[in-house]
């Protein structure tokens, strides 16, 4: 039952990231509002408002139908324009920055709420128009429903103004970088707080190895379910692949200290969650990939925007500094004892993969090379969870200097780079 509950939570979390999720929910609220207003109308609320505030009430059914028809056509126009702007945003982000950004932009809750408000108001006006056509007589004035439609339309106009402001901000690269940075920083800090316990774990090379039974991005695990199985089977487990990796069916997935029963193995496999896409909220490593791709794309000949690359390196610098506070190994504990070992992307591999891409595409640009050396110099003096992090940084700095010497031809530029590197390599 708990496994089923965890899978339901996982499904809802994935569903929440879809662009149609919140618009659909809000549309249902608009549909529900129609029946609530019609129910209140049966108690003579229009007649009461006509006496209390007659200036707000429309008594003629034909006028009401005309107003609702105008609102419907206007809201459709606003909605079409808004959806078009979202598609333009996604296309521009994909072309100018990175296709990896699309899931984050699609799941932007603010834009989903705007589209949902339009849809809810549109649905309300449509059903109210039908209601007035069938029952709009002199004995039943449609004043209150029309007043609600006017209020909803005014709200939609305000939301549309906000939408234009929001989407103009969302397409700016600084906003995109800042959003990625904040999301990954939050995730990293959560992992650091969870990994405050230090533990010794035995070598798992000779443990019983089990393979993946499906293909997809390894997104997350159901921790409580895995801990329960490990305790029941009196064993310890290791998840071999790092989170966010693309798992192919048949490759080694986990190791167990003791043999696992078939039913327990099935439960463990079902406790490992897969996704078609990589999600930044679950995998901070994706933030490094996205920011690096933005920097690399900015340095391509078609875009040639070193300023964006410099900004991207600034964000990478802080993320690396936070990552250095985290150990390379993660564990799940049961009664303060490490029960499950989770393989993670090591700091050395993370730093190498980022620097390899930047070195390849930016080694000819002096300003970018200076920024990279300053980043490595800054990281060298930050708090670190493991001593070998410094060796990784020095190794990358030496490799970067070799690329600079082979790519930068101007003697003065090369001298500046060498002097900067020598401030922390000697």
Protein backbone atom coordinates (compact mmCIF):
# COMPACT_ATOMS: atom_id res chain seq x y z
CA UNK A 1 0.00 0.00 0.00
CA UNK A 2 2.84 2.39 0.84
CA UNK A 3 4.53 1.61 -2.47
CA UNK A 4 1.29 2.41 -4.28
CA UNK A 5 1.01 5.68 -2.35
CA UNK A 6 4.60 6.65 -3.23
CA UNK A 7 4.00 5.90 -6.90
CA UNK A 8 0.85 8.03 -6.81
CA UNK A 9 2.82 10.92 -5.30
CA UNK A 10 5.49 10.50 -7.98
CA UNK A 11 2.83 10.49 -10.70
CA UNK A 12 1.24 13.66 -9.33
CA UNK A 13 4.63 15.38 -9.12
CA UNK A 14 5.29 14.56 -12.78
CA UNK A 15 1.79 15.64 -13.74
CA UNK A 16 2.27 18.97 -11.98
CA UNK A 17 5.18 19.82 -14.30
CA UNK A 18 2.97 19.53 -17.40
CA UNK A 19 1.87 22.80 -19.01
CA UNK A 20 -1.81 21.74 -19.03
CA UNK A 21 -2.05 20.69 -15.36
CA UNK A 22 -2.97 23.93 -13.58
CA UNK A 23 -4.97 25.34 -16.53
CA UNK A 24 -7.12 22.19 -16.42
CA UNK A 25 -7.73 22.46 -12.68
CA UNK A 26 -8.59 26.16 -12.87
CA UNK A 27 -10.88 25.50 -15.85
CA UNK A 28 -12.82 23.04 -13.72
CA UNK A 29 -13.18 25.77 -11.09
CA UNK A 30 -14.63 28.05 -13.77
CA UNK A 31 -17.10 25.33 -14.71
CA UNK A 32 -18.02 24.87 -11.04
CA UNK A 33 -18.44 28.63 -10.61
CA UNK A 34 -21.13 28.58 -13.31
CA UNK A 35 -23.33 26.26 -11.26
CA UNK A 36 -22.67 28.16 -8.04
CA UNK A 37 -23.75 31.44 -9.63
CA UNK A 38 -26.86 29.84 -11.16
CA UNK A 39 -27.69 28.31 -7.79
CA UNK A 40 -27.43 31.72 -6.09
CA UNK A 41 -29.56 33.18 -8.85
CA UNK A 42 -32.44 30.96 -7.77
CA UNK A 43 -32.55 32.79 -4.43
CA UNK A 44 -33.17 36.13 -6.14
CA UNK A 45 -29.71 37.62 -5.71
CA UNK A 46 -30.12 39.62 -8.95
CA UNK A 47 -33.33 41.18 -7.66
CA UNK A 48 -31.59 42.10 -4.41
CA UNK A 49 -28.63 43.67 -6.20
CA UNK A 50 -30.99 45.52 -8.54
CA UNK A 51 -32.47 47.29 -5.53
CA UNK A 52 -29.19 47.78 -3.66
CA UNK A 53 -26.84 48.77 -6.52
CA UNK A 54 -28.93 49.12 -9.68
CA UNK A 55 -26.04 50.70 -11.60
CA UNK A 56 -24.23 47.33 -11.63
CA UNK A 57 -27.13 45.22 -12.83
CA UNK A 58 -28.15 44.56 -16.46
CA UNK A 59 -31.84 43.83 -16.76
CA UNK A 60 -32.14 43.05 -20.47
CA UNK A 61 -31.33 39.48 -21.53
CA UNK A 62 -30.41 40.49 -25.08
CA UNK A 63 -27.87 43.01 -23.77
CA UNK A 64 -26.49 40.32 -21.48
CA UNK A 65 -26.04 37.92 -24.39
CA UNK A 66 -24.27 40.62 -26.41
CA UNK A 67 -21.89 41.38 -23.55
CA UNK A 68 -21.09 37.70 -22.98
CA UNK A 69 -20.49 37.15 -26.71
CA UNK A 70 -18.07 40.08 -26.72
CA UNK A 71 -16.27 38.73 -23.66
CA UNK A 72 -15.96 35.27 -25.23
CA UNK A 73 -14.42 36.56 -28.46
CA UNK A 74 -12.07 38.85 -26.54
CA UNK A 75 -10.93 36.13 -24.16
CA UNK A 76 -10.27 33.76 -27.05
CA UNK A 77 -8.09 36.41 -28.67
CA UNK A 78 -6.15 36.98 -25.43
CA UNK A 79 -5.74 33.24 -24.92
CA UNK A 80 -4.48 32.62 -28.46
CA UNK A 81 -1.99 35.48 -28.10
CA UNK A 82 -0.81 34.15 -24.72
CA UNK A 83 -0.31 30.59 -26.00
CA UNK A 84 1.55 32.00 -29.01
CA UNK A 85 3.86 33.95 -26.71
CA UNK A 86 4.58 30.80 -24.68
CA UNK A 87 5.47 28.88 -27.85
CA UNK A 88 7.74 31.72 -29.01
CA UNK A 89 9.41 31.70 -25.60
CA UNK A 90 10.06 27.97 -25.77
CA UNK A 91 11.37 28.16 -29.33
CA UNK A 92 13.70 31.05 -28.56
CA UNK A 93 15.01 29.42 -25.40
CA UNK A 94 15.70 26.21 -27.32
CA UNK A 95 17.50 27.98 -30.16
CA UNK A 96 19.48 30.57 -28.17
CA UNK A 97 20.22 28.75 -24.93
CA UNK A 98 19.57 25.01 -24.59
CA UNK A 99 16.76 22.50 -25.26
CA UNK A 100 17.31 21.24 -21.71
CA UNK A 101 15.65 24.42 -20.43
CA UNK A 102 12.27 23.55 -21.94
CA UNK A 103 10.93 21.34 -19.10
CA UNK A 104 11.61 24.10 -16.57
CA UNK A 105 9.99 26.78 -18.71
CA UNK A 106 6.97 24.61 -19.49
CA UNK A 107 6.41 23.95 -15.79
CA UNK A 108 6.46 27.68 -14.96
CA UNK A 109 3.53 27.87 -12.56
CA UNK A 110 2.89 31.58 -13.10
CA UNK A 111 2.24 31.12 -16.81
CA UNK A 112 0.06 28.09 -16.13
CA UNK A 113 -2.06 30.12 -13.70
CA UNK A 114 -2.47 32.87 -16.31
CA UNK A 115 -3.64 30.42 -18.96
CA UNK A 116 -5.92 28.75 -16.43
CA UNK A 117 -7.54 32.08 -15.52
CA UNK A 118 -8.29 32.76 -19.19
CA UNK A 119 -9.77 29.29 -19.69
CA UNK A 120 -11.88 29.42 -16.52
CA UNK A 121 -13.34 32.81 -17.44
CA UNK A 122 -13.99 31.65 -21.00
CA UNK A 123 -15.78 28.50 -19.85
CA UNK A 124 -17.87 30.50 -17.39
CA UNK A 125 -18.97 32.97 -20.07
CA UNK A 126 -19.83 30.19 -22.54
CA UNK A 127 -22.01 28.23 -20.14
CA UNK A 128 -23.61 31.38 -18.80
CA UNK A 129 -24.44 32.46 -22.34
CA UNK A 130 -26.17 29.11 -22.92
CA UNK A 131 -28.05 29.50 -19.65
CA UNK A 132 -29.33 32.97 -20.51
CA UNK A 133 -30.46 31.86 -23.95
CA UNK A 134 -32.57 29.10 -22.48
CA UNK A 135 -33.98 30.91 -19.45
CA UNK A 136 -33.48 34.64 -20.01
CA UNK A 137 -37.00 35.99 -19.51
CA UNK A 138 -38.46 39.07 -17.90
CA UNK A 139 -39.20 37.04 -14.79
CA UNK A 140 -35.55 36.16 -14.38
CA UNK A 141 -33.06 38.93 -15.04
CA UNK A 142 -29.44 37.80 -15.59
CA UNK A 143 -27.91 40.67 -13.61
CA UNK A 144 -25.73 38.82 -11.10
CA UNK A 145 -24.21 36.28 -13.57
CA UNK A 146 -23.31 39.14 -15.92
CA UNK A 147 -21.75 41.10 -13.06
CA UNK A 148 -19.56 38.07 -12.24
CA UNK A 149 -18.59 37.79 -15.94
CA UNK A 150 -17.58 41.47 -15.98
CA UNK A 151 -15.46 40.99 -12.84
CA UNK A 152 -13.77 37.91 -14.33
CA UNK A 153 -13.01 39.76 -17.56
CA UNK A 154 -11.45 42.66 -15.66
CA UNK A 155 -9.34 40.15 -13.74
CA UNK A 156 -8.27 38.60 -17.05
CA UNK A 157 -7.16 41.99 -18.35
CA UNK A 158 -5.03 42.51 -15.25
CA UNK A 159 -3.61 39.00 -15.52
CA UNK A 160 -2.80 39.62 -19.20
CA UNK A 161 -0.78 42.73 -18.32
CA UNK A 162 1.07 40.69 -15.71
CA UNK A 163 1.63 37.91 -18.25
CA UNK A 164 3.25 40.29 -20.75
CA UNK A 165 5.57 41.56 -18.00
CA UNK A 166 6.38 38.06 -16.76
CA UNK A 167 7.10 36.53 -20.15
CA UNK A 168 9.31 39.47 -21.15
CA UNK A 169 11.35 38.75 -18.01
CA UNK A 170 11.36 34.98 -18.46
CA UNK A 171 13.08 35.13 -21.84
CA UNK A 172 16.04 37.09 -20.47
CA UNK A 173 19.08 34.92 -19.98
CA UNK A 174 19.86 36.42 -16.56
CA UNK A 175 16.42 35.40 -15.31
CA UNK A 176 16.87 31.89 -16.69
CA UNK A 177 20.31 31.55 -15.09
CA UNK A 178 19.04 32.88 -11.77
CA UNK A 179 16.10 30.47 -11.75
CA UNK A 180 18.35 27.48 -12.46
CA UNK A 181 20.81 28.68 -9.83
CA UNK A 182 18.18 29.10 -7.09
CA UNK A 183 16.55 25.73 -7.76
CA UNK A 184 19.83 23.80 -7.75
CA UNK A 185 21.18 25.74 -4.77
CA UNK A 186 18.11 24.77 -2.76
CA UNK A 187 18.51 21.13 -3.75
CA UNK A 188 22.23 21.12 -2.91
CA UNK A 189 21.64 22.65 0.51
CA UNK A 190 19.00 19.99 1.21
CA UNK A 191 21.48 17.23 0.31
CA UNK A 192 24.21 18.81 2.44
CA UNK A 193 21.90 18.96 5.47
CA UNK A 194 20.89 15.32 4.91
CA UNK A 195 24.49 14.10 4.62
CA UNK A 196 25.80 15.53 7.87
CA UNK A 197 26.20 11.99 9.24
CA UNK A 198 29.50 10.33 8.41
CA UNK A 199 29.56 6.60 7.78
CA UNK A 200 31.82 3.73 6.81
CA UNK A 201 30.51 1.38 4.15
CA UNK A 202 32.17 -1.90 3.10
CA UNK A 203 33.50 -2.60 -0.37
CA UNK A 204 30.62 -3.79 -2.57
CA UNK A 205 32.58 -5.28 -5.49
CA UNK A 206 31.78 -8.88 -4.49
CA UNK A 207 28.13 -8.28 -3.61
CA UNK A 208 25.23 -9.82 -5.54
CA UNK A 209 24.53 -7.70 -8.62
CA UNK A 210 21.10 -7.12 -10.17
CA UNK A 211 20.20 -5.47 -13.45
CA UNK A 212 17.68 -2.88 -14.61
CA UNK A 213 14.40 -4.16 -16.01
CA UNK A 214 13.43 -0.98 -17.87
CA UNK A 215 14.91 1.98 -19.72
CA UNK A 216 14.65 5.64 -18.73
CA UNK A 217 16.19 8.46 -16.72
CA UNK A 218 16.77 7.39 -13.14
CA UNK A 219 14.95 10.22 -11.39
CA UNK A 220 14.54 9.30 -7.73
CA UNK A 221 14.02 6.50 -5.22
CA UNK A 222 11.37 5.73 -2.62
CA UNK A 223 13.65 5.84 0.40
CA UNK A 224 11.28 4.40 3.00
CA UNK A 225 10.34 1.47 0.76
CA UNK A 226 13.98 0.58 0.08
CA UNK A 227 14.92 0.84 3.76
CA UNK A 228 12.00 -1.41 4.70
CA UNK A 229 13.03 -4.06 2.15
CA UNK A 230 16.68 -3.89 3.24
CA UNK A 231 15.70 -4.36 6.88
CA UNK A 232 13.31 -7.19 6.06
CA UNK A 233 15.93 -9.03 3.99
CA UNK A 234 18.68 -8.26 6.54
CA UNK A 235 20.92 -6.85 3.87
CA UNK A 236 22.56 -3.64 2.72
CA UNK A 237 22.12 -2.19 -0.75
CA UNK A 238 24.03 -0.02 -3.19
CA UNK A 239 22.44 1.83 -6.11
CA UNK A 240 25.17 1.69 -8.73
CA UNK A 241 24.07 4.38 -11.19
CA UNK A 242 24.04 8.09 -10.22
CA UNK A 243 20.74 9.92 -10.09
CA UNK A 244 19.87 11.57 -13.39
CA UNK A 245 21.67 8.93 -15.45
CA UNK A 246 20.00 7.32 -18.46
CA UNK A 247 19.52 3.68 -17.47
CA UNK A 248 19.40 1.05 -20.21
CA UNK A 249 17.53 -2.19 -19.67
CA UNK A 250 19.91 -4.96 -18.68
CA UNK A 251 22.76 -2.87 -17.24
CA UNK A 252 23.87 -3.32 -13.59
CA UNK A 253 21.55 -1.28 -11.37
CA UNK A 254 22.09 -2.33 -7.76
CA UNK A 255 24.10 -4.59 -5.48
CA UNK A 256 22.97 -6.42 -2.38
CA UNK A 257 25.09 -7.79 0.44
CA UNK A 258 22.84 -10.88 0.66
CA UNK A 259 20.81 -12.61 -2.07
CA UNK A 260 17.37 -11.09 -2.68
CA UNK A 261 14.14 -12.97 -3.10
CA UNK A 262 12.35 -12.42 -6.40
CA UNK A 263 9.45 -10.61 -4.73
CA UNK A 264 11.79 -8.29 -2.82
CA UNK A 265 13.81 -7.58 -5.98
CA UNK A 266 10.59 -6.67 -7.79
CA UNK A 267 9.64 -4.27 -4.99
CA UNK A 268 13.09 -2.67 -5.05
CA UNK A 269 12.93 -2.16 -8.80
CA UNK A 270 9.48 -0.61 -8.45
CA UNK A 271 10.88 1.71 -5.77
CA UNK A 272 13.32 3.21 -8.30
CA UNK A 273 11.52 5.91 -10.23
CA UNK A 274 12.15 6.64 -13.89
CA UNK A 275 11.23 9.59 -16.05
CA UNK A 276 11.37 10.50 -19.73
CA UNK A 277 13.05 13.80 -18.90
CA UNK A 278 15.66 15.04 -16.47
CA UNK A 279 14.16 17.24 -13.75
CA UNK A 280 16.21 19.98 -12.11
CA UNK A 281 14.29 19.74 -8.82
CA UNK A 282 15.48 16.16 -8.34
CA UNK A 283 18.97 16.34 -9.83
CA UNK A 284 21.24 19.29 -9.13
CA UNK A 285 23.82 18.00 -11.66
CA UNK A 286 21.43 19.04 -14.41
CA UNK A 287 21.92 22.67 -13.33
CA UNK A 288 25.64 22.42 -14.10
CA UNK A 289 24.83 20.93 -17.51
CA UNK A 290 22.27 23.61 -18.34
CA UNK A 291 24.42 26.56 -17.28
CA UNK A 292 27.43 25.11 -19.10
CA UNK A 293 25.39 24.64 -22.28
CA UNK A 294 24.18 28.25 -22.07
CA UNK A 295 27.79 29.43 -21.81
CA UNK A 296 28.92 27.22 -24.68
CA UNK A 297 25.96 28.27 -26.87
CA UNK A 298 26.75 31.92 -26.14
CA UNK A 299 30.29 31.42 -27.45
CA UNK A 300 29.16 29.81 -30.71
CA UNK A 301 29.93 31.82 -33.89
CA UNK A 302 26.23 32.30 -34.61
CA UNK A 303 25.57 34.03 -31.27
CA UNK A 304 29.00 35.27 -30.11
CA UNK A 305 27.90 36.62 -26.72
CA UNK A 306 30.81 36.39 -24.26
CA UNK A 307 28.91 38.50 -21.73
CA UNK A 308 26.38 35.72 -21.25
CA UNK A 309 29.19 33.18 -20.91
CA UNK A 310 30.80 35.32 -18.19
CA UNK A 311 27.50 35.50 -16.30
CA UNK A 312 27.08 31.74 -16.59
CA UNK A 313 30.56 31.17 -15.11
CA UNK A 314 29.65 33.40 -12.15
CA UNK A 315 26.69 31.16 -11.35
CA UNK A 316 28.79 28.03 -11.84
CA UNK A 317 31.35 29.39 -9.39
CA UNK A 318 28.86 29.64 -6.53
CA UNK A 319 27.30 26.26 -7.31
CA UNK A 320 30.72 24.59 -7.29
CA UNK A 321 31.51 26.30 -3.97
CA UNK A 322 28.33 24.84 -2.48
CA UNK A 323 29.01 21.42 -4.02
CA UNK A 324 32.43 21.37 -2.33
CA UNK A 325 30.66 21.28 1.05
CA UNK A 326 29.08 17.96 0.12
CA UNK A 327 30.82 14.60 0.22
CA UNK A 328 30.94 12.41 -2.86
CA UNK A 329 29.02 9.61 -1.15
CA UNK A 330 25.40 9.56 -0.02
CA UNK A 331 23.80 7.10 2.38
CA UNK A 332 20.36 6.24 3.67
CA UNK A 333 20.38 5.45 7.38
CA UNK A 334 18.33 3.10 9.52
CA UNK A 335 18.83 3.50 13.28
CA UNK A 336 21.91 5.64 12.60
CA UNK A 337 23.49 2.84 10.56
CA UNK A 338 24.14 3.21 6.80
CA UNK A 339 21.76 0.81 5.11
CA UNK A 340 21.81 1.97 1.48
CA UNK A 341 24.63 3.57 -0.48
CA UNK A 342 23.67 5.94 -3.29
CA UNK A 343 26.16 6.51 -6.07
CA UNK A 344 26.57 10.18 -6.95
CA UNK A 345 28.47 12.17 -9.57
CA UNK A 346 31.81 12.88 -7.92
CA UNK A 347 33.14 16.42 -7.62
CA UNK A 348 36.12 15.57 -9.85
CA UNK A 349 33.89 14.24 -12.66
CA UNK A 350 31.50 17.16 -12.34
CA UNK A 351 34.29 19.72 -12.50
CA UNK A 352 36.01 17.93 -15.38
CA UNK A 353 32.86 17.67 -17.51
CA UNK A 354 32.07 21.35 -17.05
CA UNK A 355 35.64 22.50 -17.68
CA UNK A 356 36.08 20.18 -20.68
CA UNK A 357 33.17 21.82 -22.51
CA UNK A 358 34.23 25.34 -21.58
CA UNK A 359 37.86 24.71 -22.53
CA UNK A 360 36.90 23.33 -25.93
CA UNK A 361 34.68 26.24 -26.95
CA UNK A 362 36.15 29.17 -24.98
CA UNK A 363 39.92 28.64 -24.96
CA UNK A 364 40.44 31.24 -27.69
CA UNK A 365 38.76 34.02 -25.68
CA UNK A 366 41.05 35.76 -23.19
CA UNK A 367 38.26 37.22 -21.05
CA UNK A 368 36.60 33.82 -20.62
CA UNK A 369 39.91 32.16 -19.78
CA UNK A 370 40.61 34.80 -17.15
CA UNK A 371 37.18 34.21 -15.66
CA UNK A 372 37.75 30.47 -15.52
CA UNK A 373 41.08 30.89 -13.73
CA UNK A 374 39.46 33.25 -11.26
CA UNK A 375 36.74 30.66 -10.65
CA UNK A 376 39.29 27.91 -9.95
CA UNK A 377 41.31 30.23 -7.72
CA UNK A 378 38.20 31.11 -5.73
CA UNK A 379 37.21 27.45 -5.34
CA UNK A 380 40.67 26.52 -4.12
CA UNK A 381 40.15 28.53 -0.96
CA UNK A 382 36.57 27.47 -0.19
CA UNK A 383 35.38 25.09 2.51
CA UNK A 384 35.59 21.52 1.26
CA UNK A 385 34.16 18.25 2.51
CA UNK A 386 37.03 16.13 1.14
CA UNK A 387 40.71 16.96 0.80
CA UNK A 388 41.14 15.66 -2.75
CA UNK A 389 38.86 18.43 -4.07
CA UNK A 390 41.87 20.78 -4.05
CA UNK A 391 43.88 18.35 -6.17
CA UNK A 392 41.02 18.22 -8.70
CA UNK A 393 40.94 22.01 -8.93
CA UNK A 394 44.71 22.31 -9.41
CA UNK A 395 44.63 19.58 -12.06
CA UNK A 396 41.91 21.40 -14.02
CA UNK A 397 43.81 24.67 -13.70
CA UNK A 398 46.95 23.09 -15.19
CA UNK A 399 44.94 21.58 -18.05
CA UNK A 400 43.31 24.95 -18.68
CA UNK A 401 46.71 26.63 -18.79
CA UNK A 402 47.93 24.08 -21.35
CA UNK A 403 44.96 24.86 -23.59
CA UNK A 404 45.56 28.58 -23.17
CA UNK A 405 49.20 28.22 -24.23
CA UNK A 406 48.21 26.27 -27.34
CA UNK A 407 45.30 28.50 -28.38
CA UNK A 408 46.20 32.10 -27.46
CA UNK A 409 48.78 33.46 -29.89
CA UNK A 410 49.18 37.01 -28.62
CA UNK A 411 52.20 37.08 -26.24
CA UNK A 412 50.73 39.79 -24.02
CA UNK A 413 47.41 38.00 -23.61
CA UNK A 414 49.22 34.77 -22.83
CA UNK A 415 51.39 36.51 -20.26
CA UNK A 416 48.31 37.85 -18.47
CA UNK A 417 46.84 34.35 -18.33
CA UNK A 418 50.09 32.83 -17.04
CA UNK A 419 50.50 35.45 -14.32
CA UNK A 420 46.96 34.82 -13.15
CA UNK A 421 47.48 31.06 -13.09
CA UNK A 422 50.78 31.38 -11.22
CA UNK A 423 49.05 33.22 -8.33
CA UNK A 424 47.65 29.92 -7.09
CA UNK A 425 49.51 27.16 -8.96
CA UNK A 426 52.98 27.95 -7.64
